[in-house]
């Protein structure tokens, strides 16, 4: 399970701006969870790319 430390207000604003619909608290919680999982998965992929390039630091070029 992904850590849920993203600001809920920001996540709610992003969802509202995308849809124009009201966003329930349960939906915000789910969006926060999904965003955290997405970031974790992409970070793992980017880490592999950085290591393949011989670096310990992940750079923007590693994120696809």
PDB file of N, CA and C in Angstrom:
ATOM      1  N   UNK A   1       0.848  -1.193   0.000  1.00  0.00           N
ATOM      2  CA  UNK A   1       0.000   0.000   0.000  1.00  0.00           C
ATOM      3  C   UNK A   1       0.883   1.242   0.000  1.00  0.00           C
ATOM      4  N   UNK A   2       0.491   2.203  -0.767  1.00  0.00           N
ATOM      5  CA  UNK A   2       1.273   3.435  -0.901  1.00  0.00           C
ATOM      6  C   UNK A   2       1.048   4.349   0.295  1.00  0.00           C
ATOM      7  N   UNK A   3       2.090   5.080   0.673  1.00  0.00           N
ATOM      8  CA  UNK A   3       1.897   6.061   1.742  1.00  0.00           C
ATOM      9  C   UNK A   3       0.933   7.156   1.299  1.00  0.00           C
ATOM     10  N   UNK A   4       0.150   7.623   2.228  1.00  0.00           N
ATOM     11  CA  UNK A   4      -0.855   8.632   1.897  1.00  0.00           C
ATOM     12  C   UNK A   4      -0.465   9.968   2.519  1.00  0.00           C
ATOM     13  N   UNK A   5       0.540  10.603   1.933  1.00  0.00           N
ATOM     14  CA  UNK A   5       1.025  11.860   2.479  1.00  0.00           C
ATOM     15  C   UNK A   5       0.861  13.011   1.499  1.00  0.00           C
ATOM     16  N   UNK A   6       0.210  12.773   0.370  1.00  0.00           N
ATOM     17  CA  UNK A   6      -0.047  13.861  -0.570  1.00  0.00           C
ATOM     18  C   UNK A   6      -1.142  14.751   0.007  1.00  0.00           C
ATOM     19  N   UNK A   7      -1.052  16.051  -0.203  1.00  0.00           N
ATOM     20  CA  UNK A   7      -2.076  16.957   0.340  1.00  0.00           C
ATOM     21  C   UNK A   7      -3.436  16.693  -0.297  1.00  0.00           C
ATOM     22  N   UNK A   8      -4.392  16.358   0.534  1.00  0.00           N
ATOM     23  CA  UNK A   8      -5.733  16.022   0.043  1.00  0.00           C
ATOM     24  C   UNK A   8      -6.379  17.204  -0.676  1.00  0.00           C
ATOM     25  N   UNK A   9      -6.141  18.418  -0.190  1.00  0.00           N
ATOM     26  CA  UNK A   9      -6.743  19.596  -0.815  1.00  0.00           C
ATOM     27  C   UNK A   9      -6.235  19.764  -2.251  1.00  0.00           C
ATOM     28  N   UNK A  10      -4.951  19.521  -2.453  1.00  0.00           N
ATOM     29  CA  UNK A  10      -4.380  19.650  -3.800  1.00  0.00           C
ATOM     30  C   UNK A  10      -4.941  18.579  -4.726  1.00  0.00           C
ATOM     31  N   UNK A  11      -5.057  17.361  -4.212  1.00  0.00           N
ATOM     32  CA  UNK A  11      -5.601  16.263  -5.012  1.00  0.00           C
ATOM     33  C   UNK A  11      -7.062  16.559  -5.373  1.00  0.00           C
ATOM     34  N   UNK A  12      -7.805  17.062  -4.413  1.00  0.00           N
ATOM     35  CA  UNK A  12      -9.210  17.403  -4.658  1.00  0.00           C
ATOM     36  C   UNK A  12      -9.321  18.498  -5.717  1.00  0.00           C
ATOM     37  N   UNK A  13      -8.461  19.492  -5.654  1.00  0.00           N
ATOM     38  CA  UNK A  13      -8.465  20.597  -6.617  1.00  0.00           C
ATOM     39  C   UNK A  13      -8.142  20.082  -8.022  1.00  0.00           C
ATOM     40  N   UNK A  14      -7.171  19.197  -8.141  1.00  0.00           N
ATOM     41  CA  UNK A  14      -6.814  18.632  -9.448  1.00  0.00           C
ATOM     42  C   UNK A  14      -8.011  17.885 -10.032  1.00  0.00           C
ATOM     43  N   UNK A  15      -8.656  17.064  -9.218  1.00  0.00           N
ATOM     44  CA  UNK A  15      -9.814  16.298  -9.694  1.00  0.00           C
ATOM     45  C   UNK A  15     -10.967  17.231 -10.067  1.00  0.00           C
ATOM     46  N   UNK A  16     -11.192  18.252  -9.255  1.00  0.00           N
ATOM     47  CA  UNK A  16     -12.267  19.201  -9.551  1.00  0.00           C
ATOM     48  C   UNK A  16     -11.979  19.975 -10.835  1.00  0.00           C
ATOM     49  N   UNK A  17     -10.743  20.444 -10.976  1.00  0.00           N
ATOM     50  CA  UNK A  17     -10.377  21.197 -12.180  1.00  0.00           C
ATOM     51  C   UNK A  17     -10.518  20.346 -13.436  1.00  0.00           C
ATOM     52  N   UNK A  18     -10.267  19.048 -13.316  1.00  0.00           N
ATOM     53  CA  UNK A  18     -10.365  18.146 -14.464  1.00  0.00           C
ATOM     54  C   UNK A  18     -11.808  17.848 -14.842  1.00  0.00           C
ATOM     55  N   UNK A  19     -12.701  17.841 -13.848  1.00  0.00           N
ATOM     56  CA  UNK A  19     -14.073  17.397 -14.110  1.00  0.00           C
ATOM     57  C   UNK A  19     -15.140  18.469 -13.928  1.00  0.00           C
ATOM     58  N   UNK A  20     -14.894  19.403 -13.012  1.00  0.00           N
ATOM     59  CA  UNK A  20     -15.920  20.383 -12.674  1.00  0.00           C
ATOM     60  C   UNK A  20     -16.973  19.819 -11.738  1.00  0.00           C
ATOM     61  N   UNK A  21     -16.805  18.572 -11.323  1.00  0.00           N
ATOM     62  CA  UNK A  21     -17.762  17.913 -10.430  1.00  0.00           C
ATOM     63  C   UNK A  21     -17.278  17.967  -8.994  1.00  0.00           C
ATOM     64  N   UNK A  22     -18.217  17.891  -8.069  1.00  0.00           N
ATOM     65  CA  UNK A  22     -17.851  17.789  -6.655  1.00  0.00           C
ATOM     66  C   UNK A  22     -17.123  16.479  -6.427  1.00  0.00           C
ATOM     67  N   UNK A  23     -16.163  16.502  -5.529  1.00  0.00           N
ATOM     68  CA  UNK A  23     -15.340  15.325  -5.252  1.00  0.00           C
ATOM     69  C   UNK A  23     -15.543  14.940  -3.788  1.00  0.00           C
ATOM     70  N   UNK A  24     -16.073  13.757  -3.555  1.00  0.00           N
ATOM     71  CA  UNK A  24     -16.327  13.282  -2.199  1.00  0.00           C
ATOM     72  C   UNK A  24     -15.046  12.918  -1.471  1.00  0.00           C
ATOM     73  N   UNK A  25     -15.110  12.924  -0.153  1.00  0.00           N
ATOM     74  CA  UNK A  25     -13.949  12.612   0.671  1.00  0.00           C
ATOM     75  C   UNK A  25     -13.407  11.216   0.380  1.00  0.00           C
ATOM     76  N   UNK A  26     -14.311  10.253   0.139  1.00  0.00           N
ATOM     77  CA  UNK A  26     -13.856   8.899  -0.163  1.00  0.00           C
ATOM     78  C   UNK A  26     -13.129   8.846  -1.501  1.00  0.00           C
ATOM     79  N   UNK A  27     -13.583   9.654  -2.461  1.00  0.00           N
ATOM     80  CA  UNK A  27     -12.919   9.718  -3.763  1.00  0.00           C
ATOM     81  C   UNK A  27     -11.533  10.352  -3.626  1.00  0.00           C
ATOM     82  N   UNK A  28     -11.432  11.389  -2.805  1.00  0.00           N
ATOM     83  CA  UNK A  28     -10.132  12.034  -2.581  1.00  0.00           C
ATOM     84  C   UNK A  28      -9.155  11.025  -1.986  1.00  0.00           C
ATOM     85  N   UNK A  29      -9.600  10.249  -1.004  1.00  0.00           N
ATOM     86  CA  UNK A  29      -8.747   9.228  -0.385  1.00  0.00           C
ATOM     87  C   UNK A  29      -8.254   8.235  -1.436  1.00  0.00           C
ATOM     88  N   UNK A  30      -9.146   7.809  -2.322  1.00  0.00           N
ATOM     89  CA  UNK A  30      -8.772   6.848  -3.361  1.00  0.00           C
ATOM     90  C   UNK A  30      -7.787   7.471  -4.345  1.00  0.00           C
ATOM     91  N   UNK A  31      -8.024   8.735  -4.742  1.00  0.00           N
ATOM     92  CA  UNK A  31      -7.093   9.428  -5.639  1.00  0.00           C
ATOM     93  C   UNK A  31      -5.706   9.555  -5.003  1.00  0.00           C
ATOM     94  N   UNK A  32      -5.651   9.878  -3.706  1.00  0.00           N
ATOM     95  CA  UNK A  32      -4.375   9.989  -3.004  1.00  0.00           C
ATOM     96  C   UNK A  32      -3.653   8.645  -3.027  1.00  0.00           C
ATOM     97  N   UNK A  33      -4.378   7.567  -2.747  1.00  0.00           N
ATOM     98  CA  UNK A  33      -3.799   6.230  -2.759  1.00  0.00           C
ATOM     99  C   UNK A  33      -3.274   5.884  -4.154  1.00  0.00           C
ATOM    100  N   UNK A  34      -4.076   6.130  -5.184  1.00  0.00           N
ATOM    101  CA  UNK A  34      -3.668   5.815  -6.555  1.00  0.00           C
ATOM    102  C   UNK A  34      -2.452   6.642  -6.984  1.00  0.00           C
ATOM    103  N   UNK A  35      -2.444   7.903  -6.624  1.00  0.00           N
ATOM    104  CA  UNK A  35      -1.316   8.767  -6.988  1.00  0.00           C
ATOM    105  C   UNK A  35      -0.040   8.287  -6.310  1.00  0.00           C
ATOM    106  N   UNK A  36      -0.132   7.907  -5.050  1.00  0.00           N
ATOM    107  CA  UNK A  36       1.021   7.399  -4.328  1.00  0.00           C
ATOM    108  C   UNK A  36       1.551   6.122  -4.952  1.00  0.00           C
ATOM    109  N   UNK A  37       0.650   5.217  -5.322  1.00  0.00           N
ATOM    110  CA  UNK A  37       1.062   3.972  -5.964  1.00  0.00           C
ATOM    111  C   UNK A  37       1.707   4.244  -7.317  1.00  0.00           C
ATOM    112  N   UNK A  38       1.132   5.177  -8.072  1.00  0.00           N
ATOM    113  CA  UNK A  38       1.691   5.529  -9.377  1.00  0.00           C
ATOM    114  C   UNK A  38       3.117   6.065  -9.222  1.00  0.00           C
ATOM    115  N   UNK A  39       3.307   6.967  -8.275  1.00  0.00           N
ATOM    116  CA  UNK A  39       4.631   7.561  -8.060  1.00  0.00           C
ATOM    117  C   UNK A  39       5.633   6.490  -7.635  1.00  0.00           C
ATOM    118  N   UNK A  40       5.221   5.595  -6.750  1.00  0.00           N
ATOM    119  CA  UNK A  40       6.121   4.523  -6.324  1.00  0.00           C
ATOM    120  C   UNK A  40       6.535   3.653  -7.510  1.00  0.00           C
ATOM    121  N   UNK A  41       5.577   3.245  -8.322  1.00  0.00           N
ATOM    122  CA  UNK A  41       5.873   2.389  -9.477  1.00  0.00           C
ATOM    123  C   UNK A  41       6.793   3.085 -10.471  1.00  0.00           C
ATOM    124  N   UNK A  42       6.540   4.339 -10.739  1.00  0.00           N
ATOM    125  CA  UNK A  42       7.375   5.084 -11.690  1.00  0.00           C
ATOM    126  C   UNK A  42       8.777   5.319 -11.121  1.00  0.00           C
ATOM    127  N   UNK A  43       8.867   5.528  -9.814  1.00  0.00           N
ATOM    128  CA  UNK A  43      10.177   5.722  -9.183  1.00  0.00           C
ATOM    129  C   UNK A  43      11.021   4.456  -9.283  1.00  0.00           C
ATOM    130  N   UNK A  44      10.397   3.301  -9.125  1.00  0.00           N
ATOM    131  CA  UNK A  44      11.124   2.038  -9.257  1.00  0.00           C
ATOM    132  C   UNK A  44      11.663   1.887 -10.679  1.00  0.00           C
ATOM    133  N   UNK A  45      10.837   2.189 -11.667  1.00  0.00           N
ATOM    134  CA  UNK A  45      11.271   2.118 -13.068  1.00  0.00           C
ATOM    135  C   UNK A  45      12.401   3.117 -13.337  1.00  0.00           C
ATOM    136  N   UNK A  46      12.257   4.319 -12.830  1.00  0.00           N
ATOM    137  CA  UNK A  46      13.277   5.353 -13.049  1.00  0.00           C
ATOM    138  C   UNK A  46      14.582   4.971 -12.364  1.00  0.00           C
ATOM    139  N   UNK A  47      14.499   4.352 -11.202  1.00  0.00           N
ATOM    140  CA  UNK A  47      15.695   3.912 -10.500  1.00  0.00           C
ATOM    141  C   UNK A  47      16.458   2.885 -11.328  1.00  0.00           C
ATOM    142  N   UNK A  48      15.739   1.978 -11.951  1.00  0.00           N
ATOM    143  CA  UNK A  48      16.379   0.980 -12.816  1.00  0.00           C
ATOM    144  C   UNK A  48      17.078   1.651 -13.996  1.00  0.00           C
ATOM    145  N   UNK A  49      16.433   2.661 -14.561  1.00  0.00           N
ATOM    146  CA  UNK A  49      17.035   3.389 -15.689  1.00  0.00           C
ATOM    147  C   UNK A  49      18.310   4.115 -15.248  1.00  0.00           C
ATOM    148  N   UNK A  50      18.264   4.754 -14.084  1.00  0.00           N
ATOM    149  CA  UNK A  50      19.432   5.475 -13.576  1.00  0.00           C
ATOM    150  C   UNK A  50      20.586   4.510 -13.312  1.00  0.00           C
ATOM    151  N   UNK A  51      20.283   3.376 -12.701  1.00  0.00           N
ATOM    152  CA  UNK A  51      21.330   2.395 -12.419  1.00  0.00           C
ATOM    153  C   UNK A  51      21.904   1.832 -13.710  1.00  0.00           C
ATOM    154  N   UNK A  52      21.050   1.623 -14.702  1.00  0.00           N
ATOM    155  CA  UNK A  52      21.521   1.139 -16.001  1.00  0.00           C
ATOM    156  C   UNK A  52      22.489   2.149 -16.632  1.00  0.00           C
ATOM    157  N   UNK A  53      22.239   3.425 -16.382  1.00  0.00           N
ATOM    158  CA  UNK A  53      23.105   4.487 -16.913  1.00  0.00           C
ATOM    159  C   UNK A  53      24.335   4.721 -16.024  1.00  0.00           C
ATOM    160  N   UNK A  54      24.456   3.947 -14.946  1.00  0.00           N
ATOM    161  CA  UNK A  54      25.618   4.072 -14.073  1.00  0.00           C
ATOM    162  C   UNK A  54      25.512   5.194 -13.059  1.00  0.00           C
ATOM    163  N   UNK A  55      24.295   5.639 -12.768  1.00  0.00           N
ATOM    164  CA  UNK A  55      24.101   6.725 -11.801  1.00  0.00           C
ATOM    165  C   UNK A  55      23.339   6.229 -10.584  1.00  0.00           C
ATOM    166  N   UNK A  56      23.575   6.897  -9.453  1.00  0.00           N
ATOM    167  CA  UNK A  56      22.816   6.634  -8.240  1.00  0.00           C
ATOM    168  C   UNK A  56      21.649   7.604  -8.113  1.00  0.00           C
ATOM    169  N   UNK A  57      21.702   8.695  -8.870  1.00  0.00           N
ATOM    170  CA  UNK A  57      20.688   9.742  -8.788  1.00  0.00           C
ATOM    171  C   UNK A  57      19.702   9.616  -9.939  1.00  0.00           C
ATOM    172  N   UNK A  58      18.423   9.627  -9.604  1.00  0.00           N
ATOM    173  CA  UNK A  58      17.377   9.611 -10.636  1.00  0.00           C
ATOM    174  C   UNK A  58      17.248  11.010 -11.203  1.00  0.00           C
ATOM    175  N   UNK A  59      17.246  11.112 -12.527  1.00  0.00           N
ATOM    176  CA  UNK A  59      17.078  12.384 -13.219  1.00  0.00           C
ATOM    177  C   UNK A  59      15.806  12.324 -14.048  1.00  0.00           C
ATOM    178  N   UNK A  60      15.371  13.479 -14.513  1.00  0.00           N
ATOM    179  CA  UNK A  60      14.129  13.565 -15.283  1.00  0.00           C
ATOM    180  C   UNK A  60      14.168  12.663 -16.515  1.00  0.00           C
ATOM    181  N   UNK A  61      15.336  12.515 -17.101  1.00  0.00           N
ATOM    182  CA  UNK A  61      15.477  11.686 -18.300  1.00  0.00           C
ATOM    183  C   UNK A  61      15.133  10.215 -18.010  1.00  0.00           C
ATOM    184  N   UNK A  62      15.218   9.797 -16.753  1.00  0.00           N
ATOM    185  CA  UNK A  62      14.923   8.421 -16.364  1.00  0.00           C
ATOM    186  C   UNK A  62      13.428   8.152 -16.237  1.00  0.00           C
ATOM    187  N   UNK A  63      12.649   9.193 -16.151  1.00  0.00           N
ATOM    188  CA  UNK A  63      11.205   9.061 -15.937  1.00  0.00           C
ATOM    189  C   UNK A  63      10.512   9.060 -17.290  1.00  0.00           C
ATOM    190  N   UNK A  64       9.846   7.978 -17.585  1.00  0.00           N
ATOM    191  CA  UNK A  64       9.157   7.831 -18.873  1.00  0.00           C
ATOM    192  C   UNK A  64       7.673   7.945 -18.694  1.00  0.00           C
TER     193      UNK A  64
END
